[in-house]
Amino acid sequence: MLTEQSNQSHAPICPPDATAISYTLLRHVGLLLDELSAQGLKVWQDERQAWRWTWAATELQSARGFWALGEAVVARYPQAFDDTTPGMSYGDA
């Protein structure tokens, strides 16, 4: 059942600001990389200036470059992305 409030449009809290959005994105990426490095992630550029990564104390390492890092996080913590784990399904409403 829809309420009257859900039918109303909402004004943005603040005007769009590309500088603030870019800063926020870069800040979050930095915080994410900092946390992952504390958990054993190592990131570097190889001789061809391609980004590479590896997880300390595991055999996980880059096969397709830095942008495949998301796959590394899933491979390192599969239970967090397993939709059969109770309470971990992203399809729950």
PDB file of N, CA and C in Angstrom:
ATOM      1  N   MET A   1       0.841  -1.180   0.000  1.00  0.00           N
ATOM      2  CA  MET A   1       0.000   0.000   0.000  1.00  0.00           C
ATOM      3  C   MET A   1       0.887   1.244   0.000  1.00  0.00           C
ATOM      4  N   LEU A   2       0.643   2.109  -0.963  1.00  0.00           N
ATOM      5  CA  LEU A   2       1.426   3.328  -1.069  1.00  0.00           C
ATOM      6  C   LEU A   2       0.881   4.396  -0.150  1.00  0.00           C
ATOM      7  N   THR A   3       1.777   5.086   0.483  1.00  0.00           N
ATOM      8  CA  THR A   3       1.350   6.209   1.306  1.00  0.00           C
ATOM      9  C   THR A   3       1.460   7.478   0.487  1.00  0.00           C
ATOM     10  N   GLU A   4       0.803   8.510   0.952  1.00  0.00           N
ATOM     11  CA  GLU A   4       0.841   9.770   0.225  1.00  0.00           C
ATOM     12  C   GLU A   4       2.257  10.334   0.192  1.00  0.00           C
ATOM     13  N   GLN A   5       3.027  10.100   1.252  1.00  0.00           N
ATOM     14  CA  GLN A   5       4.384  10.613   1.309  1.00  0.00           C
ATOM     15  C   GLN A   5       5.266   9.997   0.227  1.00  0.00           C
ATOM     16  N   SER A   6       5.052   8.706  -0.096  1.00  0.00           N
ATOM     17  CA  SER A   6       5.894   8.062  -1.095  1.00  0.00           C
ATOM     18  C   SER A   6       5.607   8.570  -2.499  1.00  0.00           C
ATOM     19  N   ASN A   7       4.474   9.241  -2.706  1.00  0.00           N
ATOM     20  CA  ASN A   7       4.136   9.784  -4.007  1.00  0.00           C
ATOM     21  C   ASN A   7       4.710  11.174  -4.232  1.00  0.00           C
ATOM     22  N   GLN A   8       5.216  11.798  -3.181  1.00  0.00           N
ATOM     23  CA  GLN A   8       5.748  13.147  -3.301  1.00  0.00           C
ATOM     24  C   GLN A   8       7.188  13.102  -3.793  1.00  0.00           C
ATOM     25  N   SER A   9       7.565  14.101  -4.600  1.00  0.00           N
ATOM     26  CA  SER A   9       8.960  14.201  -5.004  1.00  0.00           C
ATOM     27  C   SER A   9       9.711  14.982  -3.939  1.00  0.00           C
ATOM     28  N   HIS A  10      10.988  14.695  -3.820  1.00  0.00           N
ATOM     29  CA  HIS A  10      11.787  15.343  -2.790  1.00  0.00           C
ATOM     30  C   HIS A  10      12.859  16.206  -3.431  1.00  0.00           C
ATOM     31  N   ALA A  11      13.054  17.372  -2.872  1.00  0.00           N
ATOM     32  CA  ALA A  11      14.108  18.262  -3.341  1.00  0.00           C
ATOM     33  C   ALA A  11      15.440  17.766  -2.794  1.00  0.00           C
ATOM     34  N   PRO A  12      16.518  17.959  -3.544  1.00  0.00           N
ATOM     35  CA  PRO A  12      17.825  17.544  -3.034  1.00  0.00           C
ATOM     36  C   PRO A  12      18.180  18.301  -1.756  1.00  0.00           C
ATOM     37  N   ILE A  13      18.939  17.654  -0.893  1.00  0.00           N
ATOM     38  CA  ILE A  13      19.357  18.272   0.363  1.00  0.00           C
ATOM     39  C   ILE A  13      20.294  19.438   0.091  1.00  0.00           C
ATOM     40  N   CYS A  14      21.158  19.274  -0.901  1.00  0.00           N
ATOM     41  CA  CYS A  14      22.071  20.340  -1.283  1.00  0.00           C
ATOM     42  C   CYS A  14      22.243  20.301  -2.798  1.00  0.00           C
ATOM     43  N   PRO A  15      22.678  21.412  -3.391  1.00  0.00           N
ATOM     44  CA  PRO A  15      22.851  21.425  -4.850  1.00  0.00           C
ATOM     45  C   PRO A  15      24.007  20.514  -5.270  1.00  0.00           C
ATOM     46  N   PRO A  16      23.933  19.948  -6.476  1.00  0.00           N
ATOM     47  CA  PRO A  16      25.023  19.098  -6.957  1.00  0.00           C
ATOM     48  C   PRO A  16      26.339  19.889  -7.027  1.00  0.00           C
ATOM     49  N   ASP A  17      27.408  19.255  -6.606  1.00  0.00           N
ATOM     50  CA  ASP A  17      28.719  19.903  -6.604  1.00  0.00           C
ATOM     51  C   ASP A  17      29.749  18.869  -7.039  1.00  0.00           C
ATOM     52  N   ALA A  18      30.239  18.992  -8.278  1.00  0.00           N
ATOM     53  CA  ALA A  18      31.167  18.003  -8.837  1.00  0.00           C
ATOM     54  C   ALA A  18      32.441  17.881  -8.001  1.00  0.00           C
ATOM     55  N   THR A  19      32.927  18.972  -7.456  1.00  0.00           N
ATOM     56  CA  THR A  19      34.148  18.923  -6.643  1.00  0.00           C
ATOM     57  C   THR A  19      33.915  18.112  -5.378  1.00  0.00           C
ATOM     58  N   ALA A  20      32.804  18.360  -4.706  1.00  0.00           N
ATOM     59  CA  ALA A  20      32.497  17.623  -3.469  1.00  0.00           C
ATOM     60  C   ALA A  20      32.259  16.145  -3.756  1.00  0.00           C
ATOM     61  N   ILE A  21      31.587  15.852  -4.850  1.00  0.00           N
ATOM     62  CA  ILE A  21      31.323  14.456  -5.214  1.00  0.00           C
ATOM     63  C   ILE A  21      32.642  13.744  -5.534  1.00  0.00           C
ATOM     64  N   SER A  22      33.510  14.392  -6.294  1.00  0.00           N
ATOM     65  CA  SER A  22      34.810  13.793  -6.636  1.00  0.00           C
ATOM     66  C   SER A  22      35.650  13.568  -5.391  1.00  0.00           C
ATOM     67  N   TYR A  23      35.689  14.557  -4.513  1.00  0.00           N
ATOM     68  CA  TYR A  23      36.452  14.430  -3.275  1.00  0.00           C
ATOM     69  C   TYR A  23      35.920  13.267  -2.438  1.00  0.00           C
ATOM     70  N   THR A  24      34.609  13.177  -2.318  1.00  0.00           N
ATOM     71  CA  THR A  24      33.993  12.109  -1.525  1.00  0.00           C
ATOM     72  C   THR A  24      34.326  10.741  -2.108  1.00  0.00           C
ATOM     73  N   LEU A  25      34.231  10.599  -3.423  1.00  0.00           N
ATOM     74  CA  LEU A  25      34.559   9.330  -4.072  1.00  0.00           C
ATOM     75  C   LEU A  25      36.016   8.947  -3.828  1.00  0.00           C
ATOM     76  N   LEU A  26      36.931   9.883  -4.065  1.00  0.00           N
ATOM     77  CA  LEU A  26      38.355   9.591  -3.860  1.00  0.00           C
ATOM     78  C   LEU A  26      38.663   9.290  -2.395  1.00  0.00           C
ATOM     79  N   ARG A  27      38.009   9.996  -1.499  1.00  0.00           N
ATOM     80  CA  ARG A  27      38.218   9.750  -0.067  1.00  0.00           C
ATOM     81  C   ARG A  27      37.763   8.341   0.300  1.00  0.00           C
ATOM     82  N   HIS A  28      36.613   7.923  -0.203  1.00  0.00           N
ATOM     83  CA  HIS A  28      36.122   6.578   0.086  1.00  0.00           C
ATOM     84  C   HIS A  28      37.007   5.499  -0.533  1.00  0.00           C
ATOM     85  N   VAL A  29      37.478   5.713  -1.749  1.00  0.00           N
ATOM     86  CA  VAL A  29      38.388   4.752  -2.375  1.00  0.00           C
ATOM     87  C   VAL A  29      39.664   4.647  -1.539  1.00  0.00           C
ATOM     88  N   GLY A  30      40.178   5.781  -1.081  1.00  0.00           N
ATOM     89  CA  GLY A  30      41.366   5.777  -0.233  1.00  0.00           C
ATOM     90  C   GLY A  30      41.150   5.033   1.069  1.00  0.00           C
ATOM     91  N   LEU A  31      40.007   5.271   1.717  1.00  0.00           N
ATOM     92  CA  LEU A  31      39.702   4.567   2.963  1.00  0.00           C
ATOM     93  C   LEU A  31      39.561   3.070   2.727  1.00  0.00           C
ATOM     94  N   LEU A  32      38.941   2.701   1.618  1.00  0.00           N
ATOM     95  CA  LEU A  32      38.783   1.291   1.275  1.00  0.00           C
ATOM     96  C   LEU A  32      40.147   0.627   1.066  1.00  0.00           C
ATOM     97  N   LEU A  33      41.015   1.261   0.289  1.00  0.00           N
ATOM     98  CA  LEU A  33      42.341   0.702   0.052  1.00  0.00           C
ATOM     99  C   LEU A  33      43.164   0.644   1.337  1.00  0.00           C
ATOM    100  N   ASP A  34      43.013   1.634   2.194  1.00  0.00           N
ATOM    101  CA  ASP A  34      43.720   1.621   3.473  1.00  0.00           C
ATOM    102  C   ASP A  34      43.273   0.443   4.330  1.00  0.00           C
ATOM    103  N   GLU A  35      41.981   0.208   4.405  1.00  0.00           N
ATOM    104  CA  GLU A  35      41.463  -0.915   5.192  1.00  0.00           C
ATOM    105  C   GLU A  35      41.901  -2.250   4.597  1.00  0.00           C
ATOM    106  N   LEU A  36      41.817  -2.368   3.274  1.00  0.00           N
ATOM    107  CA  LEU A  36      42.234  -3.621   2.634  1.00  0.00           C
ATOM    108  C   LEU A  36      43.732  -3.868   2.798  1.00  0.00           C
ATOM    109  N   SER A  37      44.529  -2.806   2.758  1.00  0.00           N
ATOM    110  CA  SER A  37      45.971  -2.996   2.950  1.00  0.00           C
ATOM    111  C   SER A  37      46.274  -3.426   4.379  1.00  0.00           C
ATOM    112  N   ALA A  38      45.478  -2.966   5.338  1.00  0.00           N
ATOM    113  CA  ALA A  38      45.652  -3.412   6.722  1.00  0.00           C
ATOM    114  C   ALA A  38      45.325  -4.897   6.863  1.00  0.00           C
ATOM    115  N   GLN A  39      44.529  -5.409   5.936  1.00  0.00           N
ATOM    116  CA  GLN A  39      44.166  -6.824   5.957  1.00  0.00           C
ATOM    117  C   GLN A  39      45.059  -7.668   5.041  1.00  0.00           C
ATOM    118  N   GLY A  40      46.110  -7.079   4.498  1.00  0.00           N
ATOM    119  CA  GLY A  40      47.076  -7.850   3.722  1.00  0.00           C
ATOM    120  C   GLY A  40      47.140  -7.560   2.244  1.00  0.00           C
ATOM    121  N   LEU A  41      46.387  -6.597   1.753  1.00  0.00           N
ATOM    122  CA  LEU A  41      46.434  -6.256   0.332  1.00  0.00           C
ATOM    123  C   LEU A  41      47.693  -5.463   0.021  1.00  0.00           C
ATOM    124  N   LYS A  42      48.388  -5.852  -1.022  1.00  0.00           N
ATOM    125  CA  LYS A  42      49.551  -5.108  -1.503  1.00  0.00           C
ATOM    126  C   LYS A  42      49.276  -4.723  -2.961  1.00  0.00           C
ATOM    127  N   VAL A  43      49.457  -3.436  -3.289  1.00  0.00           N
ATOM    128  CA  VAL A  43      49.200  -2.907  -4.633  1.00  0.00           C
ATOM    129  C   VAL A  43      50.467  -2.213  -5.116  1.00  0.00           C
ATOM    130  N   TRP A  44      50.852  -2.453  -6.385  1.00  0.00           N
ATOM    131  CA  TRP A  44      52.036  -1.833  -6.963  1.00  0.00           C
ATOM    132  C   TRP A  44      51.893  -1.760  -8.469  1.00  0.00           C
ATOM    133  N   GLN A  45      52.803  -1.004  -9.108  1.00  0.00           N
ATOM    134  CA  GLN A  45      52.868  -0.944 -10.561  1.00  0.00           C
ATOM    135  C   GLN A  45      54.044  -1.793 -11.031  1.00  0.00           C
ATOM    136  N   ASP A  46      53.799  -2.592 -12.070  1.00  0.00           N
ATOM    137  CA  ASP A  46      54.880  -3.415 -12.618  1.00  0.00           C
ATOM    138  C   ASP A  46      55.707  -2.596 -13.607  1.00  0.00           C
ATOM    139  N   GLU A  47      56.641  -3.261 -14.284  1.00  0.00           N
ATOM    140  CA  GLU A  47      57.540  -2.563 -15.199  1.00  0.00           C
ATOM    141  C   GLU A  47      56.822  -1.935 -16.391  1.00  0.00           C
ATOM    142  N   ARG A  48      55.624  -2.407 -16.717  1.00  0.00           N
ATOM    143  CA  ARG A  48      54.826  -1.831 -17.809  1.00  0.00           C
ATOM    144  C   ARG A  48      53.846  -0.778 -17.308  1.00  0.00           C
ATOM    145  N   GLN A  49      53.984  -0.398 -16.036  1.00  0.00           N
ATOM    146  CA  GLN A  49      53.118   0.588 -15.394  1.00  0.00           C
ATOM    147  C   GLN A  49      51.685   0.094 -15.216  1.00  0.00           C
ATOM    148  N   ALA A  50      51.497  -1.226 -15.264  1.00  0.00           N
ATOM    149  CA  ALA A  50      50.185  -1.816 -15.001  1.00  0.00           C
ATOM    150  C   ALA A  50      50.051  -2.051 -13.495  1.00  0.00           C
ATOM    151  N   TRP A  51      48.878  -1.809 -12.959  1.00  0.00           N
ATOM    152  CA  TRP A  51      48.653  -2.009 -11.533  1.00  0.00           C
ATOM    153  C   TRP A  51      48.470  -3.486 -11.241  1.00  0.00           C
ATOM    154  N   ARG A  52      49.124  -3.952 -10.197  1.00  0.00           N
ATOM    155  CA  ARG A  52      49.031  -5.344  -9.758  1.00  0.00           C
ATOM    156  C   ARG A  52      48.687  -5.373  -8.279  1.00  0.00           C
ATOM    157  N   TRP A  53      48.158  -6.499  -7.821  1.00  0.00           N
ATOM    158  CA  TRP A  53      47.821  -6.654  -6.405  1.00  0.00           C
ATOM    159  C   TRP A  53      48.045  -8.094  -5.978  1.00  0.00           C
ATOM    160  N   THR A  54      48.205  -8.299  -4.685  1.00  0.00           N
ATOM    161  CA  THR A  54      48.300  -9.621  -4.091  1.00  0.00           C
ATOM    162  C   THR A  54      47.826  -9.526  -2.645  1.00  0.00           C
ATOM    163  N   TRP A  55      47.328 -10.633  -2.118  1.00  0.00           N
ATOM    164  CA  TRP A  55      46.940 -10.704  -0.708  1.00  0.00           C
ATOM    165  C   TRP A  55      48.048 -11.428   0.037  1.00  0.00           C
ATOM    166  N   ALA A  56      48.545 -10.828   1.112  1.00  0.00           N
ATOM    167  CA  ALA A  56      49.572 -11.451   1.945  1.00  0.00           C
ATOM    168  C   ALA A  56      48.986 -12.705   2.594  1.00  0.00           C
ATOM    169  N   ALA A  57      49.820 -13.718   2.767  1.00  0.00           N
ATOM    170  CA  ALA A  57      49.462 -14.987   3.429  1.00  0.00           C
ATOM    171  C   ALA A  57      48.396 -15.776   2.673  1.00  0.00           C
ATOM    172  N   THR A  58      48.180 -15.459   1.399  1.00  0.00           N
ATOM    173  CA  THR A  58      47.272 -16.238   0.554  1.00  0.00           C
ATOM    174  C   THR A  58      47.951 -16.408  -0.799  1.00  0.00           C
ATOM    175  N   GLU A  59      47.325 -17.183  -1.654  1.00  0.00           N
ATOM    176  CA  GLU A  59      47.834 -17.327  -3.018  1.00  0.00           C
ATOM    177  C   GLU A  59      47.056 -16.464  -3.997  1.00  0.00           C
ATOM    178  N   LEU A  60      46.227 -15.560  -3.486  1.00  0.00           N
ATOM    179  CA  LEU A  60      45.454 -14.684  -4.359  1.00  0.00           C
ATOM    180  C   LEU A  60      46.357 -13.584  -4.898  1.00  0.00           C
ATOM    181  N   GLN A  61      46.309 -13.400  -6.209  1.00  0.00           N
ATOM    182  CA  GLN A  61      47.074 -12.336  -6.849  1.00  0.00           C
ATOM    183  C   GLN A  61      46.407 -11.935  -8.148  1.00  0.00           C
ATOM    184  N   SER A  62      46.817 -10.788  -8.665  1.00  0.00           N
ATOM    185  CA  SER A  62      46.187 -10.279  -9.877  1.00  0.00           C
ATOM    186  C   SER A  62      46.501 -11.151 -11.079  1.00  0.00           C
ATOM    187  N   ALA A  63      45.496 -11.343 -11.892  1.00  0.00           N
ATOM    188  CA  ALA A  63      45.676 -12.037 -13.154  1.00  0.00           C
ATOM    189  C   ALA A  63      45.291 -11.102 -14.296  1.00  0.00           C
ATOM    190  N   ARG A  64      44.447 -10.110 -13.982  1.00  0.00           N
ATOM    191  CA  ARG A  64      43.964  -9.193 -15.018  1.00  0.00           C
ATOM    192  C   ARG A  64      44.130  -7.732 -14.639  1.00  0.00           C
ATOM    193  N   GLY A  65      44.985  -7.430 -13.704  1.00  0.00           N
ATOM    194  CA  GLY A  65      45.238  -6.040 -13.353  1.00  0.00           C
ATOM    195  C   GLY A  65      44.424  -5.543 -12.181  1.00  0.00           C
ATOM    196  N   PHE A  66      44.677  -4.296 -11.849  1.00  0.00           N
ATOM    197  CA  PHE A  66      44.110  -3.682 -10.655  1.00  0.00           C
ATOM    198  C   PHE A  66      42.589  -3.633 -10.658  1.00  0.00           C
ATOM    199  N   TRP A  67      41.978  -3.395 -11.807  1.00  0.00           N
ATOM    200  CA  TRP A  67      40.531  -3.197 -11.825  1.00  0.00           C
ATOM    201  C   TRP A  67      39.769  -4.489 -11.589  1.00  0.00           C
ATOM    202  N   ALA A  68      40.461  -5.611 -11.579  1.00  0.00           N
ATOM    203  CA  ALA A  68      39.832  -6.875 -11.201  1.00  0.00           C
ATOM    204  C   ALA A  68      39.927  -7.100  -9.687  1.00  0.00           C
ATOM    205  N   LEU A  69      40.311  -6.064  -8.952  1.00  0.00           N
ATOM    206  CA  LEU A  69      40.464  -6.162  -7.501  1.00  0.00           C
ATOM    207  C   LEU A  69      39.160  -6.579  -6.822  1.00  0.00           C
ATOM    208  N   GLY A  70      38.032  -6.181  -7.370  1.00  0.00           N
ATOM    209  CA  GLY A  70      36.748  -6.593  -6.807  1.00  0.00           C
ATOM    210  C   GLY A  70      36.624  -8.098  -6.743  1.00  0.00           C
ATOM    211  N   GLU A  71      37.132  -8.778  -7.760  1.00  0.00           N
ATOM    212  CA  GLU A  71      37.119 -10.237  -7.749  1.00  0.00           C
ATOM    213  C   GLU A  71      37.990 -10.776  -6.627  1.00  0.00           C
ATOM    214  N   ALA A  72      39.066 -10.076  -6.308  1.00  0.00           N
ATOM    215  CA  ALA A  72      39.937 -10.515  -5.217  1.00  0.00           C
ATOM    216  C   ALA A  72      39.228 -10.427  -3.880  1.00  0.00           C
ATOM    217  N   VAL A  73      38.475  -9.357  -3.681  1.00  0.00           N
ATOM    218  CA  VAL A  73      37.734  -9.206  -2.429  1.00  0.00           C
ATOM    219  C   VAL A  73      36.705 -10.319  -2.306  1.00  0.00           C
ATOM    220  N   VAL A  74      36.020 -10.630  -3.393  1.00  0.00           N
ATOM    221  CA  VAL A  74      35.041 -11.717  -3.369  1.00  0.00           C
ATOM    222  C   VAL A  74      35.739 -13.053  -3.123  1.00  0.00           C
ATOM    223  N   ALA A  75      36.894 -13.266  -3.753  1.00  0.00           N
ATOM    224  CA  ALA A  75      37.625 -14.524  -3.563  1.00  0.00           C
ATOM    225  C   ALA A  75      38.180 -14.633  -2.145  1.00  0.00           C
ATOM    226  N   ARG A  76      38.589 -13.511  -1.562  1.00  0.00           N
ATOM    227  CA  ARG A  76      39.173 -13.518  -0.211  1.00  0.00           C
ATOM    228  C   ARG A  76      38.105 -13.708   0.857  1.00  0.00           C
ATOM    229  N   TYR A  77      36.922 -13.152   0.644  1.00  0.00           N
ATOM    230  CA  TYR A  77      35.829 -13.225   1.618  1.00  0.00           C
ATOM    231  C   TYR A  77      34.558 -13.765   0.947  1.00  0.00           C
ATOM    232  N   PRO A  78      34.579 -15.006   0.453  1.00  0.00           N
ATOM    233  CA  PRO A  78      33.425 -15.518  -0.306  1.00  0.00           C
ATOM    234  C   PRO A  78      32.139 -15.598   0.517  1.00  0.00           C
ATOM    235  N   GLN A  79      32.244 -15.864   1.809  1.00  0.00           N
ATOM    236  CA  GLN A  79      31.043 -15.991   2.626  1.00  0.00           C
ATOM    237  C   GLN A  79      30.254 -14.676   2.692  1.00  0.00           C
ATOM    238  N   ALA A  80      30.920 -13.558   2.546  1.00  0.00           N
ATOM    239  CA  ALA A  80      30.227 -12.272   2.569  1.00  0.00           C
ATOM    240  C   ALA A  80      29.396 -12.052   1.314  1.00  0.00           C
ATOM    241  N   PHE A  81      29.721 -12.769   0.229  1.00  0.00           N
ATOM    242  CA  PHE A  81      29.025 -12.592  -1.035  1.00  0.00           C
ATOM    243  C   PHE A  81      28.212 -13.821  -1.431  1.00  0.00           C
ATOM    244  N   ASP A  82      28.155 -14.792  -0.557  1.00  0.00           N
ATOM    245  CA  ASP A  82      27.417 -16.024  -0.821  1.00  0.00           C
ATOM    246  C   ASP A  82      25.939 -15.783  -0.534  1.00  0.00           C
ATOM    247  N   ASP A  83      25.109 -15.822  -1.571  1.00  0.00           N
ATOM    248  CA  ASP A  83      23.690 -15.533  -1.356  1.00  0.00           C
ATOM    249  C   ASP A  83      22.934 -16.698  -0.726  1.00  0.00           C
ATOM    250  N   THR A  84      23.602 -17.817  -0.464  1.00  0.00           N
ATOM    251  CA  THR A  84      22.940 -18.929   0.222  1.00  0.00           C
ATOM    252  C   THR A  84      23.173 -18.885   1.730  1.00  0.00           C
ATOM    253  N   THR A  85      24.070 -17.980   2.179  1.00  0.00           N
ATOM    254  CA  THR A  85      24.327 -17.839   3.604  1.00  0.00           C
ATOM    255  C   THR A  85      23.154 -17.112   4.258  1.00  0.00           C
ATOM    256  N   PRO A  86      22.559 -17.676   5.318  1.00  0.00           N
ATOM    257  CA  PRO A  86      21.415 -17.020   5.972  1.00  0.00           C
ATOM    258  C   PRO A  86      21.788 -15.616   6.444  1.00  0.00           C
ATOM    259  N   GLY A  87      20.913 -14.673   6.155  1.00  0.00           N
ATOM    260  CA  GLY A  87      21.123 -13.307   6.573  1.00  0.00           C
ATOM    261  C   GLY A  87      22.069 -12.513   5.684  1.00  0.00           C
ATOM    262  N   MET A  88      22.610 -13.121   4.640  1.00  0.00           N
ATOM    263  CA  MET A  88      23.575 -12.433   3.790  1.00  0.00           C
ATOM    264  C   MET A  88      23.029 -12.178   2.388  1.00  0.00           C
ATOM    265  N   SER A  89      21.778 -12.494   2.132  1.00  0.00           N
ATOM    266  CA  SER A  89      21.216 -12.341   0.793  1.00  0.00           C
ATOM    267  C   SER A  89      20.927 -10.880   0.506  1.00  0.00           C
ATOM    268  N   TYR A  90      21.377 -10.427  -0.665  1.00  0.00           N
ATOM    269  CA  TYR A  90      21.122  -9.052  -1.066  1.00  0.00           C
ATOM    270  C   TYR A  90      19.741  -8.884  -1.681  1.00  0.00           C
ATOM    271  N   GLY A  91      19.051  -9.987  -1.928  1.00  0.00           N
ATOM    272  CA  GLY A  91      17.721  -9.925  -2.503  1.00  0.00           C
ATOM    273  C   GLY A  91      16.629  -9.730  -1.475  1.00  0.00           C
ATOM    274  N   ASP A  92      16.966  -9.803  -0.181  1.00  0.00           N
ATOM    275  CA  ASP A  92      15.961  -9.628   0.857  1.00  0.00           C
ATOM    276  C   ASP A  92      15.506  -8.185   0.899  1.00  0.00           C
ATOM    277  N   ALA A  93      14.236  -8.009   1.118  1.00  0.00           N
ATOM    278  CA  ALA A  93      13.693  -6.648   1.200  1.00  0.00           C
ATOM    279  C   ALA A  93      13.533  -6.226   2.622  1.00  0.00           C
TER     280      ALA A  93
END
